[in-house]
N, C-alpha and C. Protein backbone atom coordinates (compact mmCIF):
# COMPACT_ATOMS: atom_id res chain seq x y z
N MET A 1 31.69 -21.16 31.29
CA MET A 1 30.35 -21.17 30.75
C MET A 1 30.33 -20.54 29.36
N GLY A 2 31.04 -19.43 29.18
CA GLY A 2 31.06 -18.78 27.89
C GLY A 2 31.75 -19.60 26.82
N ILE A 3 32.75 -20.39 27.22
CA ILE A 3 33.46 -21.23 26.26
C ILE A 3 32.54 -22.32 25.74
N TYR A 4 31.78 -22.94 26.62
CA TYR A 4 30.86 -23.99 26.19
C TYR A 4 29.76 -23.42 25.30
N ASP A 5 29.27 -22.25 25.67
CA ASP A 5 28.23 -21.60 24.87
C ASP A 5 28.76 -21.29 23.47
N HIS A 6 30.01 -20.85 23.40
CA HIS A 6 30.62 -20.52 22.10
C HIS A 6 30.83 -21.78 21.26
N LEU A 7 31.18 -22.87 21.92
CA LEU A 7 31.40 -24.11 21.18
C LEU A 7 30.09 -24.75 20.73
N LEU A 8 29.05 -24.65 21.55
CA LEU A 8 27.78 -25.25 21.19
C LEU A 8 26.99 -24.44 20.17
N PHE A 9 27.03 -23.13 20.32
CA PHE A 9 26.27 -22.25 19.45
C PHE A 9 27.19 -21.25 18.77
N PRO A 10 27.89 -21.64 17.72
CA PRO A 10 28.79 -20.69 17.06
C PRO A 10 27.99 -19.60 16.36
N LYS A 11 28.57 -18.41 16.32
CA LYS A 11 27.91 -17.29 15.66
C LYS A 11 27.96 -17.48 14.15
N PRO A 12 26.88 -17.12 13.48
CA PRO A 12 26.90 -17.27 12.02
C PRO A 12 27.88 -16.28 11.40
N ALA A 13 28.46 -16.67 10.29
CA ALA A 13 29.43 -15.82 9.60
C ALA A 13 28.72 -14.64 8.96
N VAL A 14 29.37 -13.49 8.98
CA VAL A 14 28.83 -12.29 8.37
C VAL A 14 29.12 -12.33 6.88
N PRO A 15 28.12 -12.06 6.05
CA PRO A 15 28.40 -12.07 4.61
C PRO A 15 29.37 -10.95 4.26
N MET A 16 30.36 -11.28 3.48
CA MET A 16 31.41 -10.32 3.13
C MET A 16 31.14 -9.74 1.75
N ASN A 17 30.20 -8.84 1.64
CA ASN A 17 29.98 -8.17 0.37
C ASN A 17 30.44 -6.71 0.45
N LEU A 18 31.24 -6.41 1.45
CA LEU A 18 31.81 -5.08 1.60
C LEU A 18 33.24 -5.08 1.07
N PRO A 19 33.70 -3.92 0.60
CA PRO A 19 35.10 -3.85 0.15
C PRO A 19 36.07 -3.68 1.31
N VAL A 20 36.04 -4.62 2.27
CA VAL A 20 36.95 -4.58 3.42
C VAL A 20 37.66 -5.92 3.53
N PRO A 21 38.91 -5.91 3.98
CA PRO A 21 39.65 -7.18 4.08
C PRO A 21 39.38 -7.96 5.35
N SER A 22 38.82 -7.35 6.40
CA SER A 22 38.69 -8.07 7.66
C SER A 22 37.22 -8.24 8.05
N THR A 23 36.92 -9.37 8.67
CA THR A 23 35.55 -9.61 9.12
C THR A 23 35.23 -8.78 10.35
N ASN A 24 36.23 -8.44 11.16
CA ASN A 24 35.97 -7.59 12.33
C ASN A 24 35.48 -6.21 11.90
N PHE A 25 36.11 -5.67 10.87
CA PHE A 25 35.67 -4.36 10.38
C PHE A 25 34.28 -4.46 9.76
N ALA A 26 34.01 -5.55 9.06
CA ALA A 26 32.67 -5.75 8.48
C ALA A 26 31.63 -5.88 9.58
N ASN A 27 31.95 -6.61 10.65
CA ASN A 27 31.02 -6.73 11.79
C ASN A 27 30.74 -5.37 12.41
N LEU A 28 31.80 -4.57 12.57
CA LEU A 28 31.63 -3.22 13.13
C LEU A 28 30.74 -2.38 12.23
N PHE A 29 30.95 -2.46 10.93
CA PHE A 29 30.15 -1.68 10.00
C PHE A 29 28.70 -2.14 10.00
N TYR A 30 28.46 -3.45 10.05
CA TYR A 30 27.08 -3.95 10.09
C TYR A 30 26.38 -3.55 11.38
N GLU A 31 27.11 -3.52 12.48
CA GLU A 31 26.54 -3.04 13.75
C GLU A 31 26.19 -1.56 13.64
N PHE A 32 27.08 -0.80 13.00
CA PHE A 32 26.80 0.62 12.78
C PHE A 32 25.54 0.79 11.93
N LEU A 33 25.41 0.02 10.87
CA LEU A 33 24.22 0.12 10.01
C LEU A 33 22.95 -0.24 10.76
N ARG A 34 23.02 -1.30 11.56
CA ARG A 34 21.84 -1.71 12.33
C ARG A 34 21.40 -0.61 13.28
N ARG A 35 22.36 -0.05 14.00
CA ARG A 35 22.03 1.02 14.94
C ARG A 35 21.58 2.29 14.21
N TYR A 36 22.18 2.57 13.06
CA TYR A 36 21.82 3.76 12.29
C TYR A 36 20.37 3.68 11.83
N TYR A 37 19.97 2.54 11.28
CA TYR A 37 18.60 2.40 10.81
C TYR A 37 17.61 2.36 11.97
N GLU A 38 18.03 1.81 13.09
CA GLU A 38 17.18 1.83 14.29
C GLU A 38 16.99 3.27 14.77
N TRP A 39 18.04 4.07 14.74
CA TRP A 39 17.96 5.47 15.13
C TRP A 39 17.07 6.25 14.17
N LYS A 40 17.19 5.99 12.87
CA LYS A 40 16.36 6.68 11.89
C LYS A 40 14.88 6.37 12.10
N SER A 41 14.55 5.12 12.35
CA SER A 41 13.14 4.78 12.56
C SER A 41 12.61 5.38 13.86
N ALA A 42 13.43 5.41 14.90
CA ALA A 42 13.01 6.05 16.16
C ALA A 42 12.84 7.55 15.96
N LYS A 43 13.70 8.16 15.16
CA LYS A 43 13.59 9.59 14.87
C LYS A 43 12.28 9.88 14.14
N LEU A 44 11.88 9.01 13.21
CA LEU A 44 10.61 9.17 12.50
C LEU A 44 9.43 9.05 13.47
N ARG A 45 9.51 8.10 14.40
CA ARG A 45 8.45 7.99 15.42
C ARG A 45 8.39 9.23 16.29
N GLU A 46 9.54 9.83 16.57
CA GLU A 46 9.57 11.05 17.38
C GLU A 46 8.89 12.20 16.63
N ILE A 47 9.14 12.31 15.34
CA ILE A 47 8.50 13.37 14.54
C ILE A 47 6.99 13.16 14.47
N ILE A 48 6.57 11.91 14.28
CA ILE A 48 5.14 11.60 14.25
C ILE A 48 4.50 11.91 15.60
N GLY A 49 5.19 11.58 16.69
CA GLY A 49 4.69 11.91 18.03
C GLY A 49 4.56 13.41 18.25
N MET A 50 5.51 14.19 17.74
CA MET A 50 5.44 15.65 17.87
C MET A 50 4.25 16.20 17.10
N LEU A 51 4.04 15.69 15.89
CA LEU A 51 2.88 16.13 15.11
C LEU A 51 1.57 15.76 15.80
N LEU A 52 1.51 14.57 16.37
CA LEU A 52 0.32 14.13 17.10
C LEU A 52 0.07 15.05 18.30
N LEU A 53 1.12 15.41 19.02
CA LEU A 53 0.97 16.33 20.15
C LEU A 53 0.46 17.69 19.70
N MET A 54 0.96 18.18 18.59
CA MET A 54 0.51 19.48 18.11
C MET A 54 -0.96 19.43 17.69
N ILE A 55 -1.37 18.38 17.01
CA ILE A 55 -2.76 18.25 16.57
C ILE A 55 -3.70 18.14 17.77
N ILE A 56 -3.34 17.32 18.74
CA ILE A 56 -4.18 17.17 19.93
C ILE A 56 -4.23 18.48 20.71
N GLY A 57 -3.11 19.18 20.81
CA GLY A 57 -3.10 20.46 21.52
C GLY A 57 -3.99 21.50 20.86
N VAL A 58 -3.94 21.57 19.54
CA VAL A 58 -4.80 22.52 18.83
C VAL A 58 -6.27 22.13 19.02
N CYS A 59 -6.57 20.84 19.00
CA CYS A 59 -7.95 20.39 19.20
C CYS A 59 -8.43 20.71 20.61
N ILE A 60 -7.58 20.55 21.61
CA ILE A 60 -7.98 20.85 22.99
C ILE A 60 -8.36 22.32 23.13
N VAL A 61 -7.61 23.19 22.48
CA VAL A 61 -7.88 24.62 22.59
C VAL A 61 -9.08 25.04 21.75
N SER A 62 -9.25 24.47 20.56
CA SER A 62 -10.29 24.95 19.65
C SER A 62 -11.64 24.27 19.81
N ILE A 63 -11.70 23.06 20.34
CA ILE A 63 -12.97 22.34 20.45
C ILE A 63 -13.99 23.07 21.32
N PRO A 64 -13.64 23.65 22.48
CA PRO A 64 -14.68 24.34 23.27
C PRO A 64 -15.36 25.49 22.52
N TRP A 65 -14.67 26.14 21.60
CA TRP A 65 -15.30 27.21 20.83
C TRP A 65 -16.14 26.67 19.67
N LEU A 66 -15.70 25.56 19.11
CA LEU A 66 -16.45 25.00 17.98
C LEU A 66 -17.69 24.24 18.43
N LEU A 67 -17.63 23.54 19.54
CA LEU A 67 -18.77 22.79 20.09
C LEU A 67 -19.05 23.30 21.50
N PRO A 68 -19.84 24.34 21.64
CA PRO A 68 -20.04 24.92 22.98
C PRO A 68 -20.75 23.98 23.96
N ASN A 69 -21.60 23.07 23.50
CA ASN A 69 -22.33 22.20 24.42
C ASN A 69 -21.46 21.05 24.93
N PHE A 70 -20.76 20.38 24.05
CA PHE A 70 -19.97 19.22 24.42
C PHE A 70 -18.47 19.49 24.40
N GLY A 71 -18.08 20.70 24.14
CA GLY A 71 -16.68 21.04 23.95
C GLY A 71 -15.82 20.83 25.17
N ILE A 72 -16.30 21.21 26.34
CA ILE A 72 -15.50 21.09 27.56
C ILE A 72 -15.27 19.63 27.91
N LEU A 73 -16.33 18.81 27.81
CA LEU A 73 -16.19 17.39 28.11
C LEU A 73 -15.25 16.71 27.11
N PHE A 74 -15.42 17.02 25.85
CA PHE A 74 -14.56 16.46 24.82
C PHE A 74 -13.12 16.93 24.99
N SER A 75 -12.96 18.19 25.38
CA SER A 75 -11.63 18.74 25.60
C SER A 75 -10.94 18.06 26.79
N LEU A 76 -11.67 17.71 27.82
CA LEU A 76 -11.09 16.99 28.96
C LEU A 76 -10.66 15.58 28.55
N CYS A 77 -11.46 14.93 27.71
CA CYS A 77 -11.06 13.60 27.21
C CYS A 77 -9.78 13.71 26.36
N LEU A 78 -9.71 14.75 25.55
CA LEU A 78 -8.51 14.97 24.75
C LEU A 78 -7.30 15.31 25.63
N LEU A 79 -7.56 15.93 26.76
CA LEU A 79 -6.47 16.25 27.69
C LEU A 79 -5.84 14.97 28.25
N VAL A 80 -6.67 13.95 28.53
CA VAL A 80 -6.14 12.66 28.97
C VAL A 80 -5.32 12.02 27.84
N LEU A 81 -5.83 12.09 26.63
CA LEU A 81 -5.09 11.58 25.48
C LEU A 81 -3.78 12.34 25.28
N PHE A 82 -3.82 13.65 25.51
CA PHE A 82 -2.62 14.47 25.40
C PHE A 82 -1.58 14.04 26.42
N TYR A 83 -2.01 13.73 27.64
CA TYR A 83 -1.10 13.27 28.68
C TYR A 83 -0.42 11.97 28.26
N LEU A 84 -1.19 11.03 27.73
CA LEU A 84 -0.63 9.76 27.28
C LEU A 84 0.32 9.96 26.10
N ALA A 85 -0.03 10.87 25.21
CA ALA A 85 0.83 11.15 24.06
C ALA A 85 2.14 11.80 24.51
N VAL A 86 2.09 12.65 25.50
CA VAL A 86 3.31 13.28 26.03
C VAL A 86 4.22 12.22 26.65
N ARG A 87 3.64 11.29 27.40
CA ARG A 87 4.45 10.21 27.98
C ARG A 87 5.11 9.37 26.89
N TYR A 88 4.36 9.05 25.84
CA TYR A 88 4.90 8.29 24.72
C TYR A 88 6.02 9.08 24.03
N PHE A 89 5.78 10.38 23.80
CA PHE A 89 6.77 11.21 23.14
C PHE A 89 8.06 11.30 23.95
N LEU A 90 7.95 11.45 25.26
CA LEU A 90 9.14 11.54 26.10
C LEU A 90 9.93 10.24 26.09
N ALA A 91 9.24 9.11 26.10
CA ALA A 91 9.93 7.82 26.03
C ALA A 91 10.65 7.65 24.69
N VAL A 92 9.98 8.02 23.60
CA VAL A 92 10.60 7.91 22.27
C VAL A 92 11.75 8.88 22.15
N SER A 93 11.60 10.08 22.68
CA SER A 93 12.67 11.07 22.61
C SER A 93 13.90 10.62 23.38
N GLN A 94 13.69 10.00 24.53
CA GLN A 94 14.82 9.48 25.29
C GLN A 94 15.50 8.35 24.52
N ARG A 95 14.72 7.50 23.87
CA ARG A 95 15.28 6.41 23.06
C ARG A 95 16.08 6.96 21.88
N VAL A 96 15.57 8.03 21.25
CA VAL A 96 16.28 8.66 20.13
C VAL A 96 17.61 9.22 20.60
N SER A 97 17.62 9.86 21.74
CA SER A 97 18.88 10.41 22.27
C SER A 97 19.88 9.30 22.57
N HIS A 98 19.41 8.22 23.16
CA HIS A 98 20.29 7.09 23.48
C HIS A 98 20.85 6.47 22.20
N LEU A 99 20.00 6.27 21.21
CA LEU A 99 20.46 5.68 19.95
C LEU A 99 21.41 6.62 19.21
N TYR A 100 21.17 7.93 19.30
CA TYR A 100 22.06 8.88 18.64
C TYR A 100 23.47 8.79 19.22
N VAL A 101 23.55 8.66 20.54
CA VAL A 101 24.87 8.54 21.17
C VAL A 101 25.55 7.26 20.70
N ASN A 102 24.80 6.16 20.65
CA ASN A 102 25.38 4.89 20.18
C ASN A 102 25.88 5.00 18.75
N VAL A 103 25.07 5.58 17.87
CA VAL A 103 25.45 5.72 16.46
C VAL A 103 26.65 6.65 16.33
N HIS A 104 26.66 7.72 17.11
CA HIS A 104 27.76 8.68 17.06
C HIS A 104 29.08 8.02 17.49
N VAL A 105 29.03 7.22 18.56
CA VAL A 105 30.23 6.53 19.04
C VAL A 105 30.71 5.52 17.99
N LEU A 106 29.77 4.77 17.41
CA LEU A 106 30.16 3.80 16.38
C LEU A 106 30.72 4.49 15.15
N GLN A 107 30.16 5.66 14.80
CA GLN A 107 30.69 6.40 13.66
C GLN A 107 32.13 6.85 13.93
N HIS A 108 32.39 7.35 15.14
CA HIS A 108 33.76 7.76 15.47
C HIS A 108 34.70 6.56 15.49
N HIS A 109 34.21 5.42 15.93
CA HIS A 109 35.03 4.22 15.94
C HIS A 109 35.37 3.80 14.51
N LEU A 110 34.38 3.84 13.62
CA LEU A 110 34.63 3.52 12.21
C LEU A 110 35.61 4.49 11.58
N VAL A 111 35.41 5.77 11.82
CA VAL A 111 36.28 6.79 11.24
C VAL A 111 37.70 6.64 11.79
N GLY A 112 37.82 6.32 13.07
CA GLY A 112 39.14 6.09 13.66
C GLY A 112 39.84 4.91 13.02
N LYS A 113 39.12 3.83 12.79
CA LYS A 113 39.71 2.68 12.11
C LYS A 113 40.11 3.02 10.68
N LEU A 114 39.30 3.84 10.02
CA LEU A 114 39.63 4.25 8.66
C LEU A 114 40.87 5.13 8.63
N GLU A 115 40.99 6.04 9.61
CA GLU A 115 42.15 6.94 9.64
C GLU A 115 43.43 6.19 9.97
N VAL A 116 43.35 5.22 10.87
CA VAL A 116 44.54 4.45 11.24
C VAL A 116 44.93 3.54 10.09
N GLY A 117 43.95 3.05 9.39
CA GLY A 117 44.22 2.14 8.27
C GLY A 117 43.74 0.75 8.61
N PHE A 118 42.69 0.33 7.96
CA PHE A 118 42.12 -0.98 8.27
C PHE A 118 42.64 -2.06 7.33
N CYS A 119 43.37 -1.66 6.31
CA CYS A 119 43.89 -2.66 5.37
C CYS A 119 45.33 -3.01 5.73
N GLU A 120 45.84 -4.04 5.10
CA GLU A 120 47.19 -4.51 5.40
C GLU A 120 48.14 -4.29 4.24
N HIS A 121 47.88 -3.30 3.42
CA HIS A 121 48.76 -3.00 2.29
C HIS A 121 50.04 -2.32 2.80
N ARG A 122 51.14 -2.66 2.21
CA ARG A 122 52.42 -2.05 2.59
C ARG A 122 52.63 -0.73 1.84
N GLU A 123 52.22 -0.69 0.61
CA GLU A 123 52.39 0.52 -0.20
C GLU A 123 51.19 1.45 0.04
N PRO A 124 51.31 2.72 -0.31
CA PRO A 124 50.18 3.63 -0.14
C PRO A 124 48.97 3.16 -0.96
N CYS A 125 47.80 3.22 -0.35
CA CYS A 125 46.60 2.76 -1.03
C CYS A 125 45.45 3.73 -0.74
N HIS A 126 44.34 3.50 -1.39
CA HIS A 126 43.15 4.34 -1.22
C HIS A 126 41.97 3.53 -0.72
N CYS A 127 42.24 2.55 0.12
CA CYS A 127 41.18 1.67 0.62
C CYS A 127 40.17 2.44 1.46
N ALA A 128 40.65 3.34 2.31
CA ALA A 128 39.74 4.09 3.18
C ALA A 128 38.84 5.00 2.35
N GLU A 129 39.40 5.70 1.37
CA GLU A 129 38.59 6.58 0.53
C GLU A 129 37.59 5.77 -0.29
N GLU A 130 38.00 4.60 -0.77
CA GLU A 130 37.09 3.75 -1.54
C GLU A 130 35.95 3.25 -0.67
N PHE A 131 36.25 2.91 0.59
CA PHE A 131 35.21 2.45 1.49
C PHE A 131 34.23 3.57 1.82
N ILE A 132 34.75 4.78 2.07
CA ILE A 132 33.88 5.92 2.37
C ILE A 132 32.99 6.23 1.17
N ASP A 133 33.54 6.17 -0.03
CA ASP A 133 32.74 6.38 -1.24
C ASP A 133 31.70 5.28 -1.42
N TYR A 134 32.08 4.04 -1.11
CA TYR A 134 31.15 2.92 -1.22
C TYR A 134 29.97 3.10 -0.27
N VAL A 135 30.22 3.52 0.97
CA VAL A 135 29.16 3.72 1.95
C VAL A 135 28.26 4.88 1.52
N LEU A 136 28.86 5.94 1.03
CA LEU A 136 28.07 7.09 0.58
C LEU A 136 27.23 6.73 -0.63
N ARG A 137 27.77 5.99 -1.54
CA ARG A 137 27.08 5.62 -2.77
C ARG A 137 25.97 4.59 -2.51
N ASN A 138 26.24 3.56 -1.72
CA ASN A 138 25.28 2.47 -1.54
C ASN A 138 24.30 2.69 -0.40
N TYR A 139 24.72 3.37 0.66
CA TYR A 139 23.86 3.54 1.83
C TYR A 139 23.44 4.98 2.07
N ASN A 140 24.00 5.92 1.33
CA ASN A 140 23.72 7.34 1.47
C ASN A 140 24.03 7.84 2.89
N ILE A 141 25.12 7.35 3.45
CA ILE A 141 25.58 7.75 4.78
C ILE A 141 26.99 8.30 4.62
N SER A 142 27.19 9.53 5.09
CA SER A 142 28.52 10.12 5.02
C SER A 142 29.25 9.83 6.33
N LEU A 143 30.38 9.17 6.23
CA LEU A 143 31.18 8.88 7.42
C LEU A 143 32.09 10.05 7.78
N THR A 144 32.20 11.04 6.91
CA THR A 144 33.08 12.17 7.19
C THR A 144 32.35 13.29 7.92
N LYS A 145 31.03 13.40 7.75
CA LYS A 145 30.26 14.44 8.43
C LYS A 145 29.65 13.86 9.70
N ILE A 146 29.41 14.73 10.67
CA ILE A 146 28.75 14.33 11.90
C ILE A 146 27.27 14.18 11.61
N LEU A 147 26.69 13.08 12.12
CA LEU A 147 25.27 12.80 11.89
C LEU A 147 24.40 13.80 12.61
N ILE A 148 23.30 14.16 11.98
CA ILE A 148 22.36 15.10 12.59
C ILE A 148 21.04 14.41 12.76
């Protein structure tokens, strides 16, 4: 079944605008970039969710003193909103943790390929250092440091 699927629907070629000699390494790097940007956007949603939780929490505590007549009722409505926001935050936080592990594993895989040598030069070369500099310069991602 997989053979027929591969023959009927071939995968599109990856554009080779990276300073790498192999398409497998380019595919690995593009997968790393996709997961990295997905992790960054999820991390931003997590920060926004944390800020939303803090604002709602402060409102729940301060509204009864600011509006003595309607404060308790409004505070209970905000408590329901707080519950929904906590559920959203926990789901996003779990997604961020999962994506971080994926990005971290892909980063180690990339670094391992760079250390072993991804090029086919016989003489000593600086392909790995050039690639690391290229990624740092163009994508602002350091492959030598652990992602935070």
